[in-house]
Amino acid sequence: MDKFLENVAAVNGELNSFIWGWAGIVLLIGTGVILTTVTKFFQVTHVGHWWKETIGSLFRKNSDSTKKTDRKSISQFQALCTALAATVGTGNIAGVAAAIVVGGPGAIFWMWVAAFLGMMTNFSENVLGIYYRRRNKAGEWSGGAMYYLKDGLGKKKGFKGIASVLAVLFAVFAILASFGIGNMGQINKITLNIQSAFFKNVNLGTVGGMPILGLIIGCTLMVLGAVIILGGLQRIASVAERVVPFMAIAYILGALIVMFTNVGMLGDMFAAIFKFAFTSRAAYGGVIGTVILGMTQGFKRGVFSNEAGLGSSVMVHSASNVKEPVRQGMWGIFEVFFDTMIVCTMTAVVVLSSGFIDLSTGNPVSAGIDDSTLVSSAFGNTFGIAGEWFVAVALLLFAFTTVLGWSQYGSKAVEYLLGEKAVKVYKVIFVLMIVSGAVMTSSLAWDISDTFNGFMMVPNLIGVVSLTPLVVKITKNYVERRIKHKDVEPMLSYDSEIQKEMEAELDKE
């Protein structure tokens, strides 16, 4: 078993270095820059509008955001919660801690940069996802990068073959990523934090080279996952709608208490974030090397956290009852904003106020700091043992709902490749793989997740960049109709029949 894992780690290390080299980072951030520019900084210039049409709409009576129009779709809010369930996970807790430990406080600045640009990447993905979605044989909406690659890029002269290949590659990478970022990485962090918080001095031994305690935790999560995942999207969305708001508010409140307890350190914390984003840390050599390290960690962990650029959340956003592509695109902006700008920032404040990071040098105070349990230890400084329990429970909810959300992503990728019947087989395999995450080494689980993220990102961003003119056209159409109140024919779908159906629905509003 150990030899096998060593071989897996070696191969994955080579792939990870390739995909997360400068080419991948330039593609990711460059796409965000392009989309932000061509949409005229939509996330800033129309901040009031997208805020009102997303989270603000939840407080309006008879809002479409919370309504389910039929049993084959989910509400816009359920789509957001399911997407947030998949994005707000270990990346927001352990991922932020890892970014700070490896890349220094400056990594948080680059995480913010990635999120600001990622808002428009996620917006564009969801606009294209809604525009190119279609109904499957069961009458459910199916959408995702594979569809806008095949039906969008594929319609361009000379690109039909390459578009079909890219669509297949995306679907394959999405399935693999669902086992990495969406399963093993999440379960691994759940297991480590449960063991650290509740079973510090418990050693049940091993069986077949695997820790028995880890197996017990993994099997328990597997059974719970089976009950929800095998129930399909409606059950996943129903659980997400109830759990995500509760867990997010509870975690933010806990982090705010830690922040106000250490309010005197706020100035030094934010100074360290901006300082070490552009200068070297004491123990890590020259400025260029440490800034690059901070940028890399910030970008990688930012993507791991909010998934902007992966094309993943499109697969659940496309299942909503929304008619307007831009409306769901704006939920994508809010998703990234909430995930990174709020939740990840709260985690960064907790970590940087913990005393485990030297704010004058930007380095961990000791070489033995474990990023996987750093946040729970930081909460423990304020709340005692209850703080460690709180983080363990928060991470359990964050990470487990991520597993639920990603099971839907993988299901849609399998549906695209092999048809609806194969989805049932995939779900069974996905549920069984939960146990493997509980017994895998932490570093390997994270590294595999990073690798699959990168490979999933490439075909998706090729599709998004190539279809940027269409995103601009759809966005302009929406702004003219909904904001400037011009009498313009709406752009709702590439399919004429779906276009007519959505227009009829809009006329009823």
Protein backbone atom coordinates (compact mmCIF):
# COMPACT_ATOMS: atom_id res chain seq x y z
CA MET A 1 0.00 0.00 0.00
CA ASP A 2 2.78 2.45 0.95
CA LYS A 3 4.71 1.68 -2.25
CA PHE A 4 1.61 2.23 -4.36
CA LEU A 5 0.93 5.61 -2.71
CA GLU A 6 4.56 6.62 -3.28
CA ASN A 7 4.24 5.88 -6.99
CA VAL A 8 0.96 7.78 -7.19
CA ALA A 9 2.59 10.75 -5.44
CA ALA A 10 5.56 10.74 -7.84
CA VAL A 11 3.41 10.70 -10.97
CA ASN A 12 1.02 13.28 -9.57
CA GLY A 13 3.92 15.54 -8.62
CA GLU A 14 5.10 15.72 -12.22
CA LEU A 15 1.60 16.41 -13.53
CA ASN A 16 0.94 19.01 -10.85
CA SER A 17 4.13 20.92 -11.63
CA PHE A 18 3.20 20.99 -15.30
CA ILE A 19 -0.41 22.10 -15.04
CA TRP A 20 0.20 24.61 -12.24
CA GLY A 21 3.24 26.18 -13.87
CA TRP A 22 3.11 29.69 -15.26
CA ALA A 23 1.14 28.62 -18.31
CA GLY A 24 -1.81 27.48 -16.19
CA ILE A 25 -1.72 30.52 -13.91
CA VAL A 26 -1.49 32.93 -16.85
CA LEU A 27 -4.46 31.20 -18.50
CA LEU A 28 -6.52 31.42 -15.32
CA ILE A 29 -5.76 34.99 -14.34
CA GLY A 30 -5.54 36.18 -17.95
CA THR A 31 -9.07 34.94 -18.60
CA GLY A 32 -10.31 36.86 -15.58
CA VAL A 33 -8.57 40.02 -16.76
CA ILE A 34 -10.04 39.69 -20.26
CA LEU A 35 -13.59 39.05 -19.04
CA THR A 36 -13.43 41.82 -16.45
CA THR A 37 -12.20 44.26 -19.09
CA VAL A 38 -14.60 43.40 -21.93
CA THR A 39 -17.62 43.46 -19.60
CA LYS A 40 -16.47 46.91 -18.41
CA PHE A 41 -15.85 45.73 -14.83
CA PHE A 42 -19.42 44.50 -14.46
CA GLN A 43 -18.73 43.23 -10.92
CA VAL A 44 -17.95 46.83 -9.89
CA THR A 45 -20.02 49.05 -12.19
CA HIS A 46 -23.21 47.07 -11.55
CA VAL A 47 -22.51 46.00 -7.96
CA GLY A 48 -25.79 47.44 -6.71
CA HIS A 49 -27.78 45.61 -9.37
CA TRP A 50 -26.21 42.19 -8.96
CA TRP A 51 -26.40 42.48 -5.18
CA LYS A 52 -30.11 43.36 -5.38
CA GLU A 53 -30.81 40.55 -7.85
CA THR A 54 -28.99 37.88 -5.82
CA ILE A 55 -28.90 37.98 -2.04
CA GLY A 56 -31.20 41.02 -2.00
CA SER A 57 -33.91 39.16 -3.90
CA LEU A 58 -34.29 36.70 -1.01
CA PHE A 59 -35.89 39.45 1.06
CA ARG A 60 -38.49 40.36 -1.57
CA LYS A 61 -41.97 38.87 -1.42
CA ASN A 62 -42.83 36.41 -4.20
CA SER A 63 -39.26 36.42 -5.48
CA ASP A 64 -38.47 33.91 -8.24
CA SER A 65 -35.13 33.23 -6.55
CA THR A 66 -36.65 30.90 -3.97
CA LYS A 67 -39.46 29.41 -6.07
CA LYS A 68 -39.38 25.97 -7.67
CA THR A 69 -41.41 25.99 -10.86
CA ASP A 70 -41.42 22.22 -11.37
CA ARG A 71 -40.01 18.96 -10.02
CA LYS A 72 -37.39 18.77 -12.75
CA SER A 73 -35.54 21.93 -11.70
CA ILE A 74 -34.36 23.63 -8.52
CA SER A 75 -34.76 27.23 -7.41
CA GLN A 76 -32.06 29.83 -8.03
CA PHE A 77 -31.34 29.94 -4.29
CA GLN A 78 -31.09 26.14 -4.13
CA ALA A 79 -28.69 26.26 -7.08
CA LEU A 80 -26.57 28.82 -5.22
CA CYS A 81 -26.63 26.79 -1.99
CA THR A 82 -25.69 23.60 -3.83
CA ALA A 83 -22.88 25.44 -5.64
CA LEU A 84 -21.74 27.00 -2.36
CA ALA A 85 -21.97 23.58 -0.75
CA ALA A 86 -19.46 22.40 -3.32
CA THR A 87 -17.21 25.49 -3.07
CA VAL A 88 -17.34 26.42 0.62
CA GLY A 89 -15.31 23.51 1.94
CA THR A 90 -11.86 22.64 3.21
CA GLY A 91 -10.37 25.24 0.87
CA ASN A 92 -11.93 27.93 3.04
CA ILE A 93 -10.43 26.52 6.23
CA ALA A 94 -7.46 24.22 5.73
CA GLY A 95 -6.73 25.64 2.27
CA VAL A 96 -6.34 29.20 3.56
CA ALA A 97 -4.15 27.98 6.42
CA ALA A 98 -1.97 26.03 3.97
CA ALA A 99 -1.64 29.08 1.71
CA ILE A 100 -0.42 31.21 4.63
CA VAL A 101 1.99 28.59 5.98
CA VAL A 102 3.57 27.92 2.57
CA GLY A 103 3.13 31.26 0.79
CA GLY A 104 3.06 33.65 3.75
CA PRO A 105 0.41 36.27 4.62
CA GLY A 106 0.86 37.79 1.15
CA ALA A 107 -0.86 34.74 -0.35
CA ILE A 108 -4.16 36.15 0.95
CA PHE A 109 -3.73 39.28 -1.19
CA TRP A 110 -3.27 37.15 -4.29
CA MET A 111 -6.26 35.06 -3.27
CA TRP A 112 -8.30 38.28 -3.26
CA VAL A 113 -6.97 39.22 -6.69
CA ALA A 114 -7.88 35.80 -8.06
CA ALA A 115 -11.37 36.12 -6.55
CA PHE A 116 -11.97 39.63 -7.93
CA LEU A 117 -11.12 38.46 -11.44
CA GLY A 118 -12.78 35.10 -10.84
CA MET A 119 -16.12 36.80 -10.25
CA MET A 120 -16.36 37.56 -13.95
CA THR A 121 -14.98 34.16 -14.95
CA ASN A 122 -17.69 32.48 -12.90
CA PHE A 123 -20.26 34.94 -14.24
CA SER A 124 -19.31 34.10 -17.81
CA GLU A 125 -19.31 30.36 -17.19
CA ASN A 126 -22.83 30.51 -15.81
CA VAL A 127 -24.09 32.79 -18.59
CA LEU A 128 -22.81 30.27 -21.14
CA GLY A 129 -24.08 27.35 -19.06
CA ILE A 130 -27.65 28.66 -19.05
CA TYR A 131 -27.50 29.76 -22.70
CA TYR A 132 -26.34 26.32 -23.93
CA ARG A 133 -28.24 24.06 -21.54
CA ARG A 134 -30.85 21.55 -22.70
CA ARG A 135 -33.25 19.06 -21.13
CA ASN A 136 -32.33 15.40 -20.85
CA LYS A 137 -34.69 12.49 -21.41
CA ALA A 138 -36.01 12.80 -17.86
CA GLY A 139 -36.90 16.44 -18.49
CA GLU A 140 -34.13 17.77 -16.22
CA TRP A 141 -31.84 20.63 -17.23
CA SER A 142 -28.31 19.60 -18.21
CA GLY A 143 -25.59 22.16 -18.69
CA GLY A 144 -21.88 22.68 -18.26
CA ALA A 145 -18.65 23.42 -20.06
CA MET A 146 -18.96 20.28 -22.18
CA TYR A 147 -22.13 21.69 -23.75
CA TYR A 148 -20.86 25.18 -24.49
CA LEU A 149 -17.67 23.67 -25.86
CA LYS A 150 -19.50 21.32 -28.20
CA ASP A 151 -22.41 23.59 -29.20
CA GLY A 152 -20.65 26.94 -28.86
CA LEU A 153 -17.02 26.57 -29.86
CA GLY A 154 -18.00 23.63 -32.06
CA LYS A 155 -20.20 25.84 -34.25
CA LYS A 156 -17.24 28.01 -35.20
CA LYS A 157 -15.78 27.17 -38.60
CA GLY A 158 -13.06 24.54 -38.38
CA PHE A 159 -13.49 23.92 -34.64
CA LYS A 160 -16.09 21.13 -34.59
CA GLY A 161 -13.55 18.32 -34.05
CA ILE A 162 -11.38 20.05 -31.47
CA ALA A 163 -14.46 21.30 -29.61
CA SER A 164 -15.83 17.75 -29.31
CA VAL A 165 -12.47 16.52 -28.01
CA LEU A 166 -12.24 19.34 -25.48
CA ALA A 167 -15.79 18.63 -24.31
CA VAL A 168 -14.94 14.98 -23.71
CA LEU A 169 -11.69 15.90 -21.94
CA PHE A 170 -13.52 18.33 -19.67
CA ALA A 171 -16.07 15.69 -18.73
CA VAL A 172 -13.33 13.13 -18.02
CA PHE A 173 -11.37 15.63 -15.89
CA ALA A 174 -14.57 16.64 -14.07
CA ILE A 175 -15.20 13.01 -13.11
CA LEU A 176 -11.61 12.63 -11.88
CA ALA A 177 -11.79 15.98 -10.06
CA SER A 178 -14.99 14.87 -8.34
CA PHE A 179 -13.00 12.10 -6.69
CA GLY A 180 -10.17 14.52 -5.78
CA ILE A 181 -11.36 18.00 -4.80
CA GLY A 182 -14.92 16.77 -4.37
CA ASN A 183 -14.32 13.64 -2.34
CA MET A 184 -10.91 12.49 -1.09
CA GLY A 185 -9.53 15.95 -0.24
CA GLN A 186 -12.65 16.90 1.70
CA ILE A 187 -13.03 13.61 3.57
CA ASN A 188 -9.34 13.61 4.44
CA LYS A 189 -9.57 16.98 6.20
CA ILE A 190 -12.77 15.95 7.99
CA THR A 191 -11.01 12.88 9.34
CA LEU A 192 -7.89 14.73 10.47
CA ASN A 193 -9.86 17.41 12.28
CA ILE A 194 -12.25 14.97 13.95
CA GLN A 195 -9.27 12.95 15.17
CA SER A 196 -7.49 16.09 16.40
CA ALA A 197 -10.54 17.54 18.16
CA PHE A 198 -12.19 14.45 19.64
CA PHE A 199 -9.72 11.54 19.54
CA LYS A 200 -6.28 13.04 20.25
CA ASN A 201 -5.12 10.20 22.46
CA VAL A 202 -7.02 7.38 20.77
CA ASN A 203 -5.07 4.81 18.78
CA LEU A 204 -7.05 1.82 17.57
CA GLY A 205 -4.19 0.50 15.47
CA THR A 206 -4.24 -0.42 11.81
CA VAL A 207 -5.64 -3.08 9.54
CA GLY A 208 -4.03 -3.72 6.17
CA GLY A 209 -1.85 -0.66 6.72
CA MET A 210 -4.91 1.58 7.16
CA PRO A 211 -5.85 3.29 10.46
CA ILE A 212 -8.91 1.71 12.04
CA LEU A 213 -10.19 5.03 13.41
CA GLY A 214 -9.98 6.55 9.94
CA LEU A 215 -11.89 3.58 8.53
CA ILE A 216 -14.64 4.01 11.11
CA ILE A 217 -15.01 7.72 10.32
CA GLY A 218 -14.90 7.02 6.59
CA CYS A 219 -17.53 4.28 6.75
CA THR A 220 -19.85 6.50 8.81
CA LEU A 221 -19.57 9.33 6.28
CA MET A 222 -20.03 6.86 3.44
CA VAL A 223 -23.39 5.66 4.81
CA LEU A 224 -24.59 9.23 5.38
CA GLY A 225 -23.43 10.22 1.91
CA ALA A 226 -25.22 7.30 0.31
CA VAL A 227 -28.56 8.33 1.86
CA ILE A 228 -28.32 11.82 0.36
CA ILE A 229 -26.36 11.35 -2.88
CA LEU A 230 -28.37 8.40 -4.15
CA GLY A 231 -31.50 10.50 -3.66
CA GLY A 232 -30.49 12.74 -6.58
CA LEU A 233 -30.21 16.50 -7.09
CA GLN A 234 -33.52 17.34 -5.42
CA ARG A 235 -32.39 15.75 -2.15
CA ILE A 236 -28.89 17.26 -2.39
CA ALA A 237 -30.35 20.72 -3.05
CA SER A 238 -32.82 20.34 -0.20
CA VAL A 239 -30.03 19.47 2.25
CA ALA A 240 -27.78 22.26 0.90
CA GLU A 241 -30.56 24.85 1.21
CA ARG A 242 -30.87 24.08 4.92
CA VAL A 243 -27.26 23.40 5.90
CA VAL A 244 -25.23 25.95 3.89
CA PRO A 245 -26.78 29.18 5.30
CA PHE A 246 -26.62 27.81 8.85
CA MET A 247 -23.02 26.63 8.67
CA ALA A 248 -21.79 29.78 6.91
CA ILE A 249 -23.42 32.17 9.39
CA ALA A 250 -22.20 30.14 12.39
CA TYR A 251 -18.63 30.05 11.09
CA ILE A 252 -18.56 33.77 10.27
CA LEU A 253 -19.94 34.67 13.71
CA GLY A 254 -17.28 32.49 15.37
CA ALA A 255 -14.55 34.12 13.29
CA LEU A 256 -15.88 37.61 14.10
CA ILE A 257 -15.67 36.83 17.83
CA VAL A 258 -12.03 35.81 17.35
CA MET A 259 -11.40 38.96 15.32
CA PHE A 260 -12.87 41.30 17.93
CA THR A 261 -11.05 39.45 20.69
CA ASN A 262 -7.82 40.30 18.86
CA VAL A 263 -8.97 43.62 17.41
CA GLY A 264 -5.70 45.26 18.42
CA MET A 265 -3.87 43.06 15.91
CA LEU A 266 -6.05 43.93 12.91
CA GLY A 267 -3.74 46.65 11.67
CA ASP A 268 -0.67 44.41 11.84
CA MET A 269 -2.55 41.54 10.18
CA PHE A 270 -3.64 43.49 7.12
CA ALA A 271 -0.28 45.25 6.96
CA ALA A 272 1.40 41.84 6.80
CA ILE A 273 -0.95 40.70 4.01
CA PHE A 274 -0.08 43.68 1.79
CA LYS A 275 3.58 43.84 2.82
CA PHE A 276 4.43 40.22 2.07
CA ALA A 277 2.43 40.23 -1.16
CA PHE A 278 5.30 42.24 -2.68
CA THR A 279 8.30 41.72 -0.38
CA SER A 280 10.37 38.74 0.76
CA ARG A 281 9.91 36.84 4.00
CA ALA A 282 12.88 36.53 6.32
CA ALA A 283 13.53 32.82 5.95
CA TYR A 284 12.73 32.45 2.27
CA GLY A 285 15.39 34.30 0.26
CA GLY A 286 14.84 36.90 -2.45
CA VAL A 287 11.82 39.05 -3.18
CA ILE A 288 10.99 37.52 -6.57
CA GLY A 289 11.04 33.95 -5.30
CA THR A 290 8.83 34.59 -2.28
CA VAL A 291 6.38 36.80 -4.15
CA ILE A 292 5.99 34.10 -6.80
CA LEU A 293 5.47 31.51 -4.05
CA GLY A 294 2.80 33.69 -2.45
CA MET A 295 1.10 34.32 -5.79
CA THR A 296 1.10 30.64 -6.68
CA GLN A 297 -0.33 29.59 -3.33
CA GLY A 298 -2.91 32.39 -3.39
CA PHE A 299 -4.08 31.57 -6.91
CA LYS A 300 -4.12 27.79 -6.39
CA ARG A 301 -5.93 27.93 -3.06
CA GLY A 302 -8.25 30.62 -4.40
CA VAL A 303 -9.30 28.34 -7.25
CA PHE A 304 -9.57 25.40 -4.86
CA SER A 305 -11.84 27.52 -2.70
CA ASN A 306 -14.16 29.32 -5.14
CA GLU A 307 -13.64 27.12 -8.25
CA ALA A 308 -13.91 30.09 -10.63
CA GLY A 309 -12.36 28.93 -13.88
CA LEU A 310 -13.00 25.24 -13.39
CA GLY A 311 -16.45 25.28 -14.97
CA SER A 312 -17.69 23.03 -12.18
CA SER A 313 -20.51 24.98 -10.53
CA VAL A 314 -22.07 25.61 -13.96
CA MET A 315 -23.39 22.06 -13.86
CA VAL A 316 -25.63 22.80 -10.88
CA HIS A 317 -26.40 26.45 -11.72
CA SER A 318 -27.73 25.20 -15.07
CA ALA A 319 -30.34 23.13 -13.23
CA SER A 320 -32.07 26.21 -11.79
CA ASN A 321 -35.44 27.52 -12.94
CA VAL A 322 -33.92 30.82 -14.13
CA LYS A 323 -34.82 32.14 -17.58
CA GLU A 324 -32.14 34.80 -17.99
CA PRO A 325 -28.52 33.63 -18.42
CA VAL A 326 -27.22 36.87 -16.87
CA ARG A 327 -29.36 36.42 -13.76
CA GLN A 328 -27.65 33.13 -12.98
CA GLY A 329 -24.35 34.71 -13.94
CA MET A 330 -24.86 37.27 -11.18
CA TRP A 331 -25.40 34.46 -8.68
CA GLY A 332 -21.98 33.25 -9.85
CA ILE A 333 -20.47 36.64 -8.95
CA PHE A 334 -22.03 36.48 -5.49
CA GLU A 335 -20.84 32.90 -5.05
CA VAL A 336 -17.18 33.88 -5.53
CA PHE A 337 -17.57 37.05 -3.45
CA PHE A 338 -19.08 35.19 -0.52
CA ASP A 339 -16.75 32.22 -0.71
CA THR A 340 -13.43 34.08 -0.90
CA MET A 341 -13.92 37.70 0.07
CA ILE A 342 -15.95 36.82 3.16
CA VAL A 343 -15.38 33.25 4.35
CA CYS A 344 -11.71 32.91 3.33
CA THR A 345 -10.92 36.36 4.72
CA MET A 346 -12.48 35.39 8.04
CA THR A 347 -10.26 32.30 8.17
CA ALA A 348 -7.19 34.41 7.34
CA VAL A 349 -8.00 36.79 10.21
CA VAL A 350 -8.33 33.86 12.60
CA VAL A 351 -5.01 32.32 11.50
CA LEU A 352 -3.04 35.58 11.49
CA SER A 353 -4.31 36.52 14.96
CA SER A 354 -3.49 33.11 16.40
CA GLY A 355 0.13 33.80 17.29
CA PHE A 356 1.24 30.84 15.16
CA ILE A 357 2.37 33.21 12.36
CA ASP A 358 5.04 35.83 13.08
CA LEU A 359 3.57 38.98 11.50
CA SER A 360 6.95 40.73 11.46
CA THR A 361 8.62 38.01 9.35
CA GLY A 362 5.62 36.38 7.72
CA ASN A 363 6.85 32.93 8.74
CA PRO A 364 5.37 30.25 11.02
CA VAL A 365 6.71 30.63 14.56
CA SER A 366 7.92 27.03 14.44
CA ALA A 367 8.67 24.49 11.73
CA GLY A 368 6.25 21.96 13.18
CA ILE A 369 3.02 23.86 12.54
CA ASP A 370 0.43 21.61 10.89
CA ASP A 371 -1.74 23.57 8.46
CA SER A 372 -4.42 20.88 8.61
CA THR A 373 -5.19 21.68 12.27
CA LEU A 374 -3.97 25.30 12.40
CA VAL A 375 -7.43 26.87 12.26
CA SER A 376 -8.82 24.67 15.03
CA SER A 377 -5.81 25.54 17.20
CA ALA A 378 -6.38 29.23 16.44
CA PHE A 379 -10.03 29.01 17.49
CA GLY A 380 -8.83 27.12 20.56
CA ASN A 381 -6.83 30.16 21.61
CA THR A 382 -10.10 32.06 22.05
CA PHE A 383 -12.65 29.40 22.94
CA GLY A 384 -10.49 26.68 24.49
CA ILE A 385 -11.28 23.07 23.63
CA ALA A 386 -14.76 24.18 22.52
CA GLY A 387 -13.08 26.15 19.73
CA GLU A 388 -11.40 23.03 18.38
CA TRP A 389 -14.70 21.17 18.55
CA PHE A 390 -16.43 24.06 16.76
CA VAL A 391 -13.96 23.98 13.86
CA ALA A 392 -14.16 20.21 13.61
CA VAL A 393 -17.96 20.41 13.31
CA ALA A 394 -17.76 23.40 10.93
CA LEU A 395 -15.27 21.62 8.72
CA LEU A 396 -17.39 18.48 8.81
CA LEU A 397 -20.39 20.45 7.52
CA PHE A 398 -18.39 22.53 5.03
CA ALA A 399 -16.49 19.59 3.61
CA PHE A 400 -19.31 17.05 3.63
CA THR A 401 -21.68 19.35 1.75
CA THR A 402 -18.84 19.89 -0.74
CA VAL A 403 -18.85 16.13 -1.31
CA LEU A 404 -22.60 16.28 -1.94
CA GLY A 405 -22.28 19.12 -4.44
CA TRP A 406 -19.42 17.52 -6.34
CA SER A 407 -21.28 14.25 -6.64
CA GLN A 408 -23.75 16.18 -8.80
CA TYR A 409 -20.95 17.64 -10.91
CA GLY A 410 -19.51 14.21 -11.57
CA SER A 411 -22.98 12.85 -12.31
CA LYS A 412 -23.56 15.43 -15.04
CA ALA A 413 -20.15 14.70 -16.56
CA VAL A 414 -20.92 10.98 -16.60
CA GLU A 415 -24.34 11.68 -18.12
CA TYR A 416 -22.68 13.62 -20.94
CA LEU A 417 -20.17 10.83 -21.68
CA LEU A 418 -22.11 7.65 -21.03
CA GLY A 419 -25.78 8.50 -20.63
CA GLU A 420 -28.19 8.66 -17.73
CA LYS A 421 -28.05 4.94 -16.84
CA ALA A 422 -24.32 5.16 -16.09
CA VAL A 423 -24.96 7.87 -13.50
CA LYS A 424 -26.28 5.32 -11.01
CA VAL A 425 -23.07 3.28 -11.26
CA TYR A 426 -20.96 6.43 -10.86
CA LYS A 427 -22.85 7.46 -7.72
CA VAL A 428 -22.23 4.07 -6.10
CA ILE A 429 -18.50 4.25 -6.90
CA PHE A 430 -18.37 7.86 -5.65
CA VAL A 431 -19.96 6.90 -2.35
CA LEU A 432 -17.58 3.96 -1.87
CA MET A 433 -14.55 6.20 -2.56
CA ILE A 434 -15.41 8.27 0.52
CA VAL A 435 -13.63 5.68 2.65
CA SER A 436 -10.37 6.05 0.69
CA GLY A 437 -10.22 9.76 1.50
CA ALA A 438 -10.39 8.97 5.20
CA VAL A 439 -7.24 6.80 5.12
CA MET A 440 -5.15 8.69 2.54
CA THR A 441 -2.24 10.93 3.54
CA SER A 442 -3.14 14.63 3.71
CA SER A 443 -0.52 15.96 1.30
CA LEU A 444 -1.34 13.41 -1.40
CA ALA A 445 -5.07 14.11 -1.17
CA TRP A 446 -4.46 17.84 -1.63
CA ASP A 447 -1.93 17.37 -4.44
CA ILE A 448 -4.26 15.10 -6.41
CA SER A 449 -7.04 17.68 -6.00
CA ASP A 450 -4.79 20.46 -7.29
CA THR A 451 -3.81 18.39 -10.33
CA PHE A 452 -7.33 17.49 -11.38
CA ASN A 453 -8.41 21.12 -10.82
CA GLY A 454 -5.76 22.24 -13.28
CA PHE A 455 -6.61 19.72 -15.97
CA MET A 456 -10.31 20.55 -15.65
CA MET A 457 -9.53 24.25 -15.95
CA VAL A 458 -7.77 24.14 -19.33
CA PRO A 459 -10.57 23.01 -21.71
CA ASN A 460 -13.13 25.07 -19.80
CA LEU A 461 -11.17 28.31 -20.11
CA ILE A 462 -10.46 27.65 -23.79
CA GLY A 463 -14.22 27.51 -24.28
CA VAL A 464 -14.92 30.60 -22.16
CA VAL A 465 -12.25 32.72 -23.88
CA SER A 466 -13.36 31.66 -27.36
CA LEU A 467 -16.98 32.53 -26.52
CA THR A 468 -16.19 35.84 -24.81
CA PRO A 469 -17.82 37.90 -27.62
CA LEU A 470 -21.06 35.99 -27.01
CA VAL A 471 -20.87 36.64 -23.25
CA VAL A 472 -20.43 40.35 -23.97
CA LYS A 473 -23.38 40.30 -26.38
CA ILE A 474 -25.69 38.50 -23.92
CA THR A 475 -24.63 40.80 -21.07
CA LYS A 476 -25.18 43.93 -23.17
CA ASN A 477 -28.59 42.61 -24.20
CA TYR A 478 -29.55 42.13 -20.53
CA VAL A 479 -28.28 45.57 -19.47
CA GLU A 480 -30.23 47.27 -22.26
CA ARG A 481 -33.46 45.45 -21.41
CA ARG A 482 -33.35 45.16 -17.62
CA ILE A 483 -31.33 48.20 -16.55
CA LYS A 484 -31.82 50.72 -19.37
CA HIS A 485 -35.38 49.43 -20.07
CA LYS A 486 -35.01 49.33 -23.84
CA ASP A 487 -37.34 47.27 -26.02
CA VAL A 488 -34.88 44.64 -27.22
CA GLU A 489 -35.48 40.97 -28.02
CA PRO A 490 -33.94 38.87 -25.22
CA MET A 491 -31.06 36.42 -25.74
CA LEU A 492 -31.99 33.41 -23.61
CA SER A 493 -30.88 30.24 -25.42
CA TYR A 494 -28.98 28.94 -28.43
CA ASP A 495 -31.92 26.59 -29.06
CA SER A 496 -34.91 28.21 -30.75
CA GLU A 497 -37.44 26.01 -28.94
CA ILE A 498 -35.97 26.76 -25.51
CA GLN A 499 -35.76 30.44 -26.49
CA LYS A 500 -39.51 30.47 -27.20
CA GLU A 501 -40.25 28.60 -23.95
CA MET A 502 -38.22 31.06 -21.86
CA GLU A 503 -39.71 34.08 -23.65
CA ALA A 504 -43.17 32.79 -22.83
CA GLU A 505 -42.18 32.43 -19.19
CA LEU A 506 -40.79 35.97 -19.13
CA ASP A 507 -44.04 37.30 -20.58
CA LYS A 508 -45.90 35.87 -17.57
CA GLU A 509 -43.80 37.89 -15.13
